[in-house]
């Protein structure tokens, strides 16, 4: 084997190794982002559990006050029965009505305390599943927060899940009044977690709408994979400018991968330019991307 052949072989090996390093780097970046997201969710859950513990303590204090008040009224009634001869005096009736009212309030406080304790238990179980890296733990935690978490976190989780909702829809799903919902949304907007548009349309904050386009990954991926990723990314995009950016990035990569793709590339660029200025229909765009994929595969 000549020196030239050996040099060519070494060059090929170096290129292959570089591509493998790039792929591993992309995987590492993705793992770091997932780890950061998991850490943030666990911190949010920890805060929610702390707030729930505080609520339980408050309910216990109210329960003790109600018990003390009931005992005091009971003593007053017994004293009145010993000193009064009349069987049905107005004062006695009023005291008995007050006792019945306090009993109802006491029952409600007990019920609220039991619900709060059960909610804390449910949240703790979901958090433990995340810590133990159980399969589906993140989804379970998200569902648990949506059902029994603090109203603020329930509203925030719902917006992240549905991506676009009206204020009235959020209030109906969470089972709180519209005024309370608006107060929560205003706090979340001040913190940059959500945005309120047109008065009653709620979407996630800008940091949750940003999409990382995997250009480096696409450079070493097959065209079919690029089109599959493209369809998934545009489905997550919140704004037409983001859609245009994603399509444009995909075109730059695919143009180098697909031979005789001039007409296809032209159509993709035309579509990207249209989305830069106008919001289109995402479902129709996803169907178009599938057509692009079929044409690309036909071109080889």
Foldseek 3Di string as FASTA:
>chain_A
DDPVVVVVVVVVVVVVVVLVVLVVVVVVVVVVVVVVVLVVLLVVLVVQLVVLVVVLVVLVVVLVVLVVVLVVLVVVLVVCVVPDDDDDDPVNVVSVVVNVVSVVVNVVSVVVSVLSVVLSVLLVVLSVCSVVVPPCSVVSNLVSCLQRTDLLSVLLSVQLVVQKDFLVVSCVSSVHDSVVSVVSVVVCVVVQQWDAPPNTIIGGGPVSQDDDQPLSVLLPDALLVLLVVLLVNLVSHDALLNNLVNLVSSLVRVVVVAPPCVVLSVVSNVVSVVSNVDDDDSVVVSVVSVVSSVVRVVRD
